[in-house]
C-alpha atoms as a PDB file:
ATOM      1  CA  MET A   1     135.572 145.461  28.490  1.00  0.00           C
ATOM      2  CA  THR A   2     134.244 141.921  28.978  1.00  0.00           C
ATOM      3  CA  LEU A   3     132.988 140.667  32.328  1.00  0.00           C
ATOM      4  CA  THR A   4     134.910 138.165  34.402  1.00  0.00           C
ATOM      5  CA  THR A   5     133.879 134.585  33.622  1.00  0.00           C
ATOM      6  CA  PHE A   6     131.653 133.049  36.292  1.00  0.00           C
ATOM      7  CA  GLU A   7     129.057 130.318  36.765  1.00  0.00           C
ATOM      8  CA  TYR A   8     125.456 131.459  37.136  1.00  0.00           C
ATOM      9  CA  PHE A   9     122.690 129.758  39.121  1.00  0.00           C
ATOM     10  CA  ALA A  10     119.057 130.788  39.650  1.00  0.00           C
ATOM     11  CA  PRO A  11     117.693 128.359  42.261  1.00  0.00           C
ATOM     12  CA  PRO A  12     113.904 128.082  42.795  1.00  0.00           C
ATOM     13  CA  SER A  13     113.987 128.191  46.615  1.00  0.00           C
ATOM     14  CA  ILE A  14     115.901 129.877  49.407  1.00  0.00           C
ATOM     15  CA  GLU A  15     116.891 126.433  50.683  1.00  0.00           C
ATOM     16  CA  ASP A  16     118.530 125.642  47.330  1.00  0.00           C
ATOM     17  CA  ALA A  17     120.233 129.037  47.279  1.00  0.00           C
ATOM     18  CA  CYS A  18     121.690 128.520  50.759  1.00  0.00           C
ATOM     19  CA  ARG A  19     122.847 125.008  49.860  1.00  0.00           C
ATOM     20  CA  LEU A  20     124.547 126.266  46.698  1.00  0.00           C
ATOM     21  CA  LEU A  21     126.195 129.114  48.573  1.00  0.00           C
ATOM     22  CA  LYS A  22     127.607 126.681  51.124  1.00  0.00           C
ATOM     23  CA  GLU A  23     128.751 124.162  48.518  1.00  0.00           C
ATOM     24  CA  MET A  24     130.464 126.752  46.317  1.00  0.00           C
ATOM     25  CA  GLY A  25     132.282 128.372  49.223  1.00  0.00           C
ATOM     26  CA  ASP A  26     134.688 131.252  48.642  1.00  0.00           C
ATOM     27  CA  GLY A  27     134.128 133.027  45.348  1.00  0.00           C
ATOM     28  CA  ALA A  28     130.344 132.561  45.375  1.00  0.00           C
ATOM     29  CA  MET A  29     128.205 135.700  45.591  1.00  0.00           C
ATOM     30  CA  VAL A  30     124.475 136.339  45.893  1.00  0.00           C
ATOM     31  CA  MET A  31     122.647 138.688  43.526  1.00  0.00           C
ATOM     32  CA  ALA A  32     119.264 140.338  44.022  1.00  0.00           C
ATOM     33  CA  GLY A  33     118.903 143.202  41.526  1.00  0.00           C
ATOM     34  CA  GLY A  34     122.530 143.265  40.434  1.00  0.00           C
ATOM     35  CA  THR A  35     122.801 147.046  40.080  1.00  0.00           C
ATOM     36  CA  ASP A  36     125.756 147.204  42.484  1.00  0.00           C
ATOM     37  CA  LEU A  37     127.250 143.757  41.962  1.00  0.00           C
ATOM     38  CA  LEU A  38     127.483 143.848  38.177  1.00  0.00           C
ATOM     39  CA  VAL A  39     129.047 147.315  38.204  1.00  0.00           C
ATOM     40  CA  ARG A  40     131.711 146.138  40.637  1.00  0.00           C
ATOM     41  CA  ILE A  41     132.422 143.107  38.448  1.00  0.00           C
ATOM     42  CA  HIS A  42     132.608 145.277  35.336  1.00  0.00           C
ATOM     43  CA  ASN A  43     135.072 147.599  37.052  1.00  0.00           C
ATOM     44  CA  ARG A  44     137.145 144.636  38.196  1.00  0.00           C
ATOM     45  CA  GLY A  45     136.463 145.491  41.834  1.00  0.00           C
ATOM     46  CA  ILE A  46     135.519 141.859  42.465  1.00  0.00           C
ATOM     47  CA  ARG A  47     135.921 138.599  40.525  1.00  0.00           C
ATOM     48  CA  PRO A  48     133.341 136.054  41.673  1.00  0.00           C
ATOM     49  CA  LYS A  49     133.565 132.467  40.517  1.00  0.00           C
ATOM     50  CA  VAL A  50     129.840 131.850  41.034  1.00  0.00           C
ATOM     51  CA  ILE A  51     126.772 134.127  41.089  1.00  0.00           C
ATOM     52  CA  ILE A  52     123.598 132.873  42.725  1.00  0.00           C
ATOM     53  CA  SER A  53     120.545 134.887  41.676  1.00  0.00           C
ATOM     54  CA  LEU A  54     117.550 135.149  43.997  1.00  0.00           C
ATOM     55  CA  LYS A  55     115.166 136.398  41.310  1.00  0.00           C
ATOM     56  CA  LYS A  56     113.363 133.082  40.685  1.00  0.00           C
ATOM     57  CA  ILE A  57     112.604 132.394  44.336  1.00  0.00           C
ATOM     58  CA  GLU A  58     108.850 132.737  44.710  1.00  0.00           C
ATOM     59  CA  GLY A  59     107.617 135.086  47.407  1.00  0.00           C
ATOM     60  CA  LEU A  60     110.959 136.750  48.076  1.00  0.00           C
ATOM     61  CA  ASN A  61     109.693 139.957  46.452  1.00  0.00           C
ATOM     62  CA  ARG A  62     106.692 140.342  48.762  1.00  0.00           C
ATOM     63  CA  ILE A  63     105.806 143.339  50.886  1.00  0.00           C
ATOM     64  CA  THR A  64     103.578 142.493  53.858  1.00  0.00           C
ATOM     65  CA  PHE A  65     102.184 144.471  56.764  1.00  0.00           C
ATOM     66  CA  ASP A  66     100.634 143.322  60.012  1.00  0.00           C
ATOM     67  CA  PRO A  67      99.420 145.846  62.619  1.00  0.00           C
ATOM     68  CA  LYS A  68     101.121 143.871  65.405  1.00  0.00           C
ATOM     69  CA  GLN A  69     104.238 142.627  63.591  1.00  0.00           C
ATOM     70  CA  GLY A  70     104.892 145.605  61.317  1.00  0.00           C
ATOM     71  CA  LEU A  71     106.330 145.806  57.811  1.00  0.00           C
ATOM     72  CA  THR A  72     108.301 143.065  56.035  1.00  0.00           C
ATOM     73  CA  ILE A  73     110.238 143.682  52.815  1.00  0.00           C
ATOM     74  CA  GLY A  74     111.546 140.670  50.901  1.00  0.00           C
ATOM     75  CA  ALA A  75     115.098 140.487  49.573  1.00  0.00           C
ATOM     76  CA  THR A  76     114.143 140.855  45.908  1.00  0.00           C
ATOM     77  CA  THR A  77     111.579 143.628  46.422  1.00  0.00           C
ATOM     78  CA  LEU A  78     112.408 146.436  44.024  1.00  0.00           C
ATOM     79  CA  LEU A  79     113.141 149.937  45.249  1.00  0.00           C
ATOM     80  CA  ALA A  80     110.408 151.191  42.910  1.00  0.00           C
ATOM     81  CA  ASP A  81     107.843 148.871  44.516  1.00  0.00           C
ATOM     82  CA  VAL A  82     108.750 150.066  48.022  1.00  0.00           C
ATOM     83  CA  ALA A  83     108.545 153.697  46.890  1.00  0.00           C
ATOM     84  CA  GLU A  84     105.051 153.217  45.444  1.00  0.00           C
ATOM     85  CA  HIS A  85     103.477 150.746  47.868  1.00  0.00           C
ATOM     86  CA  PRO A  86     100.266 152.255  49.320  1.00  0.00           C
ATOM     87  CA  VAL A  87     100.737 150.840  52.830  1.00  0.00           C
ATOM     88  CA  ILE A  88     104.342 152.048  53.032  1.00  0.00           C
ATOM     89  CA  LEU A  89     103.357 155.462  51.708  1.00  0.00           C
ATOM     90  CA  LYS A  90     100.679 155.743  54.395  1.00  0.00           C
ATOM     91  CA  LYS A  91     102.341 154.177  57.433  1.00  0.00           C
ATOM     92  CA  TYR A  92     106.069 154.476  56.631  1.00  0.00           C
ATOM     93  CA  PRO A  93     106.364 157.565  54.387  1.00  0.00           C
ATOM     94  CA  ALA A  94     110.040 158.091  55.228  1.00  0.00           C
ATOM     95  CA  VAL A  95     110.856 154.540  54.086  1.00  0.00           C
ATOM     96  CA  ALA A  96     109.021 155.133  50.811  1.00  0.00           C
ATOM     97  CA  TYR A  97     110.776 158.461  50.322  1.00  0.00           C
ATOM     98  CA  ALA A  98     114.238 156.979  50.903  1.00  0.00           C
ATOM     99  CA  ALA A  99     113.548 154.308  48.279  1.00  0.00           C
ATOM    100  CA  GLN A 100     112.209 156.956  45.889  1.00  0.00           C
ATOM    101  CA  GLU A 101     115.353 159.044  46.336  1.00  0.00           C
ATOM    102  CA  THR A 102     117.747 156.173  45.652  1.00  0.00           C
ATOM    103  CA  ALA A 103     119.614 156.618  42.349  1.00  0.00           C
ATOM    104  CA  THR A 104     117.676 156.864  39.054  1.00  0.00           C
ATOM    105  CA  VAL A 105     114.412 155.429  37.707  1.00  0.00           C
ATOM    106  CA  GLN A 106     116.272 152.718  35.806  1.00  0.00           C
ATOM    107  CA  ILE A 107     118.142 151.573  38.908  1.00  0.00           C
ATOM    108  CA  ARG A 108     115.026 151.681  41.113  1.00  0.00           C
ATOM    109  CA  ASN A 109     113.274 149.412  38.604  1.00  0.00           C
ATOM    110  CA  MET A 110     116.021 146.792  38.978  1.00  0.00           C
ATOM    111  CA  GLY A 111     117.684 147.426  42.328  1.00  0.00           C
ATOM    112  CA  THR A 112     116.444 146.299  45.728  1.00  0.00           C
ATOM    113  CA  VAL A 113     116.385 147.704  49.242  1.00  0.00           C
ATOM    114  CA  ALA A 114     118.162 144.563  50.467  1.00  0.00           C
ATOM    115  CA  GLY A 115     120.908 145.007  47.892  1.00  0.00           C
ATOM    116  CA  ASN A 116     121.327 148.644  48.891  1.00  0.00           C
ATOM    117  CA  LEU A 117     121.922 147.497  52.471  1.00  0.00           C
ATOM    118  CA  CYS A 118     124.171 144.548  51.600  1.00  0.00           C
ATOM    119  CA  ASN A 119     126.404 146.769  49.483  1.00  0.00           C
ATOM    120  CA  ALA A 120     127.193 148.451  52.820  1.00  0.00           C
ATOM    121  CA  ALA A 121     128.072 151.827  51.373  1.00  0.00           C
ATOM    122  CA  PRO A 122     128.170 154.483  54.134  1.00  0.00           C
ATOM    123  CA  SER A 123     125.958 156.589  51.844  1.00  0.00           C
ATOM    124  CA  ALA A 124     123.215 153.971  51.349  1.00  0.00           C
ATOM    125  CA  ASP A 125     119.980 155.984  51.205  1.00  0.00           C
ATOM    126  CA  ASN A 126     117.791 153.295  52.736  1.00  0.00           C
ATOM    127  CA  ALA A 127     119.887 152.617  55.836  1.00  0.00           C
ATOM    128  CA  PRO A 128     119.404 155.751  58.001  1.00  0.00           C
ATOM    129  CA  THR A 129     115.607 155.706  58.135  1.00  0.00           C
ATOM    130  CA  LEU A 130     115.339 151.944  58.557  1.00  0.00           C
ATOM    131  CA  MET A 131     117.901 152.075  61.375  1.00  0.00           C
ATOM    132  CA  ALA A 132     116.101 154.984  63.024  1.00  0.00           C
ATOM    133  CA  MET A 133     112.846 153.011  62.934  1.00  0.00           C
ATOM    134  CA  GLY A 134     114.432 149.971  64.593  1.00  0.00           C
ATOM    135  CA  ALA A 135     114.526 147.625  61.600  1.00  0.00           C
ATOM    136  CA  GLU A 136     116.090 144.188  61.737  1.00  0.00           C
ATOM    137  CA  VAL A 137     117.233 141.784  59.038  1.00  0.00           C
ATOM    138  CA  ALA A 138     116.766 138.030  58.728  1.00  0.00           C
ATOM    139  CA  LEU A 139     119.939 136.197  57.675  1.00  0.00           C
ATOM    140  CA  THR A 140     119.211 132.713  56.354  1.00  0.00           C
ATOM    141  CA  SER A 141     121.648 129.833  55.907  1.00  0.00           C
ATOM    142  CA  THR A 142     121.593 126.037  55.887  1.00  0.00           C
ATOM    143  CA  GLU A 143     121.827 126.313  59.687  1.00  0.00           C
ATOM    144  CA  GLY A 144     118.581 128.294  60.007  1.00  0.00           C
ATOM    145  CA  ILE A 145     117.585 131.952  60.395  1.00  0.00           C
ATOM    146  CA  ARG A 146     119.505 134.543  62.397  1.00  0.00           C
ATOM    147  CA  LYS A 147     117.867 137.891  63.129  1.00  0.00           C
ATOM    148  CA  LEU A 148     120.003 140.964  63.626  1.00  0.00           C
ATOM    149  CA  PRO A 149     119.149 144.612  64.383  1.00  0.00           C
ATOM    150  CA  LEU A 150     120.112 146.736  61.407  1.00  0.00           C
ATOM    151  CA  ASP A 151     122.296 148.985  63.564  1.00  0.00           C
ATOM    152  CA  GLN A 152     124.528 145.930  64.153  1.00  0.00           C
ATOM    153  CA  PHE A 153     124.613 144.911  60.488  1.00  0.00           C
ATOM    154  CA  PHE A 154     127.202 147.366  59.143  1.00  0.00           C
ATOM    155  CA  LYS A 155     130.858 146.786  60.040  1.00  0.00           C
ATOM    156  CA  GLY A 156     132.646 149.124  57.611  1.00  0.00           C
ATOM    157  CA  PRO A 157     132.589 150.326  54.017  1.00  0.00           C
ATOM    158  CA  GLY A 158     131.518 147.293  52.002  1.00  0.00           C
ATOM    159  CA  LEU A 159     131.526 145.090  55.122  1.00  0.00           C
ATOM    160  CA  THR A 160     128.532 143.571  56.925  1.00  0.00           C
ATOM    161  CA  ALA A 161     127.917 141.174  59.798  1.00  0.00           C
ATOM    162  CA  MET A 162     126.743 138.447  57.400  1.00  0.00           C
ATOM    163  CA  GLU A 163     128.710 135.255  57.860  1.00  0.00           C
ATOM    164  CA  GLN A 164     129.843 132.919  55.092  1.00  0.00           C
ATOM    165  CA  GLY A 165     126.815 131.083  53.705  1.00  0.00           C
ATOM    166  CA  GLU A 166     124.204 133.590  54.933  1.00  0.00           C
ATOM    167  CA  ILE A 167     121.678 135.380  52.716  1.00  0.00           C
ATOM    168  CA  LEU A 168     119.674 138.426  53.760  1.00  0.00           C
ATOM    169  CA  THR A 169     116.105 137.295  53.082  1.00  0.00           C
ATOM    170  CA  THR A 170     113.859 139.900  54.728  1.00  0.00           C
ATOM    171  CA  ILE A 171     113.921 143.345  56.315  1.00  0.00           C
ATOM    172  CA  SER A 172     111.432 143.890  59.137  1.00  0.00           C
ATOM    173  CA  VAL A 173     110.313 147.264  60.513  1.00  0.00           C
ATOM    174  CA  PRO A 174     108.257 147.477  63.734  1.00  0.00           C
ATOM    175  CA  PRO A 175     104.744 148.946  63.534  1.00  0.00           C
ATOM    176  CA  PRO A 176     104.734 152.736  63.984  1.00  0.00           C
ATOM    177  CA  LEU A 177     104.147 153.668  67.615  1.00  0.00           C
ATOM    178  CA  PRO A 178     101.374 156.122  68.539  1.00  0.00           C
ATOM    179  CA  PHE A 179     102.473 159.747  68.187  1.00  0.00           C
ATOM    180  CA  SER A 180     105.701 158.779  66.428  1.00  0.00           C
ATOM    181  CA  GLY A 181     107.045 160.085  63.142  1.00  0.00           C
ATOM    182  CA  ALA A 182     110.075 159.560  60.945  1.00  0.00           C
ATOM    183  CA  SER A 183     111.873 161.497  58.239  1.00  0.00           C
ATOM    184  CA  TYR A 184     114.712 161.156  55.746  1.00  0.00           C
ATOM    185  CA  LYS A 185     116.638 164.140  54.414  1.00  0.00           C
ATOM    186  CA  HIS A 186     119.616 163.992  52.084  1.00  0.00           C
ATOM    187  CA  ILE A 187     121.663 166.027  49.658  1.00  0.00           C
ATOM    188  CA  SER A 188     123.917 165.172  46.722  1.00  0.00           C
ATOM    189  CA  PRO A 189     125.931 167.346  44.327  1.00  0.00           C
ATOM    190  CA  ARG A 190     123.794 166.639  41.253  1.00  0.00           C
ATOM    191  CA  GLY A 191     120.525 165.329  42.630  1.00  0.00           C
ATOM    192  CA  LYS A 192     119.744 161.738  41.714  1.00  0.00           C
ATOM    193  CA  VAL A 193     122.789 161.446  39.437  1.00  0.00           C
ATOM    194  CA  ASP A 194     125.208 161.295  42.379  1.00  0.00           C
ATOM    195  CA  ILE A 195     125.392 159.259  45.559  1.00  0.00           C
ATOM    196  CA  SER A 196     124.219 161.184  48.617  1.00  0.00           C
ATOM    197  CA  ALA A 197     126.893 163.342  50.235  1.00  0.00           C
ATOM    198  CA  VAL A 198     124.869 163.385  53.481  1.00  0.00           C
ATOM    199  CA  GLY A 199     121.751 161.489  54.568  1.00  0.00           C
ATOM    200  CA  ILE A 200     119.861 161.870  57.860  1.00  0.00           C
ATOM    201  CA  GLY A 201     117.232 159.501  59.223  1.00  0.00           C
ATOM    202  CA  ALA A 202     115.238 160.635  62.270  1.00  0.00           C
ATOM    203  CA  MET A 203     112.454 159.134  64.340  1.00  0.00           C
ATOM    204  CA  VAL A 204     110.732 160.846  67.280  1.00  0.00           C
ATOM    205  CA  MET A 205     107.925 159.874  69.637  1.00  0.00           C
ATOM    206  CA  MET A 206     106.044 162.843  71.026  1.00  0.00           C
ATOM    207  CA  ASP A 207     103.914 163.571  74.087  1.00  0.00           C
ATOM    208  CA  GLY A 208     102.552 166.981  73.169  1.00  0.00           C
ATOM    209  CA  ASP A 209     105.650 169.134  72.695  1.00  0.00           C
ATOM    210  CA  ILE A 210     107.829 166.735  74.703  1.00  0.00           C
ATOM    211  CA  CYS A 211     110.093 164.357  72.790  1.00  0.00           C
ATOM    212  CA  LYS A 212     109.707 161.094  74.700  1.00  0.00           C
ATOM    213  CA  ASP A 213     112.162 159.207  72.495  1.00  0.00           C
ATOM    214  CA  ALA A 214     114.378 159.878  69.498  1.00  0.00           C
ATOM    215  CA  ARG A 215     116.702 158.060  67.140  1.00  0.00           C
ATOM    216  CA  ILE A 216     118.945 159.957  64.728  1.00  0.00           C
ATOM    217  CA  VAL A 217     121.127 158.190  62.168  1.00  0.00           C
ATOM    218  CA  LEU A 218     123.777 159.920  60.070  1.00  0.00           C
ATOM    219  CA  GLY A 219     124.675 158.551  56.637  1.00  0.00           C
ATOM    220  CA  ALA A 220     127.714 159.214  54.422  1.00  0.00           C
ATOM    221  CA  VAL A 221     129.608 160.969  57.235  1.00  0.00           C
ATOM    222  CA  ALA A 222     131.290 157.977  58.898  1.00  0.00           C
ATOM    223  CA  PRO A 223     132.552 154.515  57.851  1.00  0.00           C
ATOM    224  CA  VAL A 224     129.050 153.159  58.565  1.00  0.00           C
ATOM    225  CA  PRO A 225     125.606 154.737  59.080  1.00  0.00           C
ATOM    226  CA  MET A 226     125.928 155.929  62.681  1.00  0.00           C
ATOM    227  CA  ARG A 227     123.606 156.709  65.579  1.00  0.00           C
ATOM    228  CA  ALA A 228     124.051 160.211  66.943  1.00  0.00           C
ATOM    229  CA  GLY A 229     123.715 159.249  70.593  1.00  0.00           C
ATOM    230  CA  LYS A 230     124.645 162.586  72.144  1.00  0.00           C
ATOM    231  CA  THR A 231     122.191 164.358  69.873  1.00  0.00           C
ATOM    232  CA  GLU A 232     119.415 161.956  70.852  1.00  0.00           C
ATOM    233  CA  LYS A 233     120.177 162.575  74.526  1.00  0.00           C
ATOM    234  CA  LEU A 234     120.010 166.333  73.955  1.00  0.00           C
ATOM    235  CA  ILE A 235     116.356 166.202  72.859  1.00  0.00           C
ATOM    236  CA  ARG A 236     115.019 163.129  74.662  1.00  0.00           C
ATOM    237  CA  GLY A 237     112.615 164.158  77.434  1.00  0.00           C
ATOM    238  CA  LYS A 238     112.747 167.821  76.368  1.00  0.00           C
ATOM    239  CA  ARG A 239     110.391 170.205  74.577  1.00  0.00           C
ATOM    240  CA  LEU A 240     111.186 169.898  70.874  1.00  0.00           C
ATOM    241  CA  THR A 241     111.313 173.591  70.052  1.00  0.00           C
ATOM    242  CA  GLN A 242     112.868 175.207  66.994  1.00  0.00           C
ATOM    243  CA  GLU A 243     115.775 176.338  69.138  1.00  0.00           C
ATOM    244  CA  ARG A 244     116.393 172.834  70.499  1.00  0.00           C
ATOM    245  CA  MET A 245     116.192 171.296  67.030  1.00  0.00           C
ATOM    246  CA  ALA A 246     118.777 173.804  65.855  1.00  0.00           C
ATOM    247  CA  ARG A 247     121.014 172.847  68.786  1.00  0.00           C
ATOM    248  CA  ALA A 248     120.486 169.193  67.883  1.00  0.00           C
ATOM    249  CA  GLY A 249     121.737 169.919  64.377  1.00  0.00           C
ATOM    250  CA  ILE A 250     124.897 171.506  65.769  1.00  0.00           C
ATOM    251  CA  GLN A 251     125.483 168.549  68.080  1.00  0.00           C
ATOM    252  CA  ALA A 252     124.939 166.033  65.263  1.00  0.00           C
ATOM    253  CA  SER A 253     127.476 167.935  63.177  1.00  0.00           C
ATOM    254  CA  LYS A 254     130.006 167.569  66.010  1.00  0.00           C
ATOM    255  CA  GLU A 255     129.323 163.824  66.265  1.00  0.00           C
ATOM    256  CA  SER A 256     129.741 163.193  62.539  1.00  0.00           C
ATOM    257  CA  LYS A 257     133.052 161.931  61.176  1.00  0.00           C
ATOM    258  CA  PRO A 258     133.067 162.995  57.522  1.00  0.00           C
ATOM    259  CA  ILE A 259     135.899 162.812  55.033  1.00  0.00           C
ATOM    260  CA  THR A 260     136.658 164.910  51.976  1.00  0.00           C
ATOM    261  CA  ASP A 261     136.157 163.087  48.683  1.00  0.00           C
ATOM    262  CA  VAL A 262     134.988 163.751  45.117  1.00  0.00           C
ATOM    263  CA  ARG A 263     131.413 164.360  46.276  1.00  0.00           C
ATOM    264  CA  ALA A 264     131.961 166.877  49.059  1.00  0.00           C
ATOM    265  CA  SER A 265     134.423 168.314  51.537  1.00  0.00           C
ATOM    266  CA  SER A 266     134.324 167.351  55.189  1.00  0.00           C
ATOM    267  CA  GLU A 267     133.439 170.954  56.092  1.00  0.00           C
ATOM    268  CA  TYR A 268     130.478 170.988  53.715  1.00  0.00           C
ATOM    269  CA  ARG A 269     129.272 167.644  55.047  1.00  0.00           C
ATOM    270  CA  ARG A 270     129.394 168.851  58.635  1.00  0.00           C
ATOM    271  CA  LYS A 271     127.344 171.918  57.758  1.00  0.00           C
ATOM    272  CA  MET A 272     124.786 169.807  55.885  1.00  0.00           C
ATOM    273  CA  VAL A 273     124.509 167.435  58.863  1.00  0.00           C
ATOM    274  CA  GLU A 274     123.590 170.456  60.965  1.00  0.00           C
ATOM    275  CA  VAL A 275     121.002 171.731  58.485  1.00  0.00           C
ATOM    276  CA  LEU A 276     119.445 168.391  57.519  1.00  0.00           C
ATOM    277  CA  THR A 277     119.207 167.081  61.093  1.00  0.00           C
ATOM    278  CA  GLY A 278     117.093 170.095  62.037  1.00  0.00           C
ATOM    279  CA  ARG A 279     114.872 169.608  58.987  1.00  0.00           C
ATOM    280  CA  ALA A 280     114.489 165.868  59.600  1.00  0.00           C
ATOM    281  CA  LEU A 281     113.487 166.450  63.219  1.00  0.00           C
ATOM    282  CA  GLN A 282     110.987 169.089  62.168  1.00  0.00           C
ATOM    283  CA  GLU A 283     109.307 166.784  59.659  1.00  0.00           C
ATOM    284  CA  ALA A 284     109.380 163.805  62.040  1.00  0.00           C
ATOM    285  CA  LYS A 285     107.739 165.947  64.753  1.00  0.00           C
ATOM    286  CA  GLN A 286     105.020 167.137  62.352  1.00  0.00           C
ATOM    287  CA  ARG A 287     104.227 163.573  61.328  1.00  0.00           C
ATOM    288  CA  ALA A 288     104.126 162.418  64.945  1.00  0.00           C
ATOM    289  CA  LEU A 289     101.691 165.140  65.972  1.00  0.00           C
ATOM    290  CA  LYS A 290      99.325 164.325  63.103  1.00  0.00           C
ATOM    291  CA  LYS A 291      98.630 160.853  64.504  1.00  0.00           C
END
């Protein structure tokens, strides 16, 4: 099967990319790694008239860290680079793990974290942890830069808050707070071959055994990655015991809104939300208490 015919541009700057995107209007699409976009074109899911590649834009693949500002991941940064970056491994191990667990080696060597988010699949492996850690995205257009918390970015399966002419250029994650820890747990039918059936991102801030704050994000069990607000309330300000973490898993299962599809039944997903939420909280607590 041949691909749909389209024009291809590889501008040298983000300003040129934004200008092209505005000029070309409807039918123009942006490509970072292309691992999602090209598959959708091949399967006739979409038929773009123009593809604007970001690959030749210098500096857009950078990973930077500042103790006061936190972590910044550029739009063309490969999943493999995030998974192996020494600073991310040390200070944001859950972010590195989520990137490492995304798809296969071949895809991680071409795909990007930004592309994984922009594809807006409810099962996106990188969304739950980044959301739990309070990440935000920078959306750039000819009008300037608009910053948006990641938990406001997803609007539905395949739908984001990006407006016409905007390009996601960076993902920013705040610096880890003292005595805080994060975790990502997921499960899929055939390991890395399949998309995750359930993914849980958790972040806790501890004061001894007391959970001062918590964020829990459920992936692949709702139309968008979702905060489990009632579960967070259940543990916030309380001693984070094994029994309370187990209760948190049950509550998260009740908050989830899974469907039955080719990857898993809704019943199985609910049970895995219960199990994986408890495990994610346990690991997040352990990491927080090590600091």
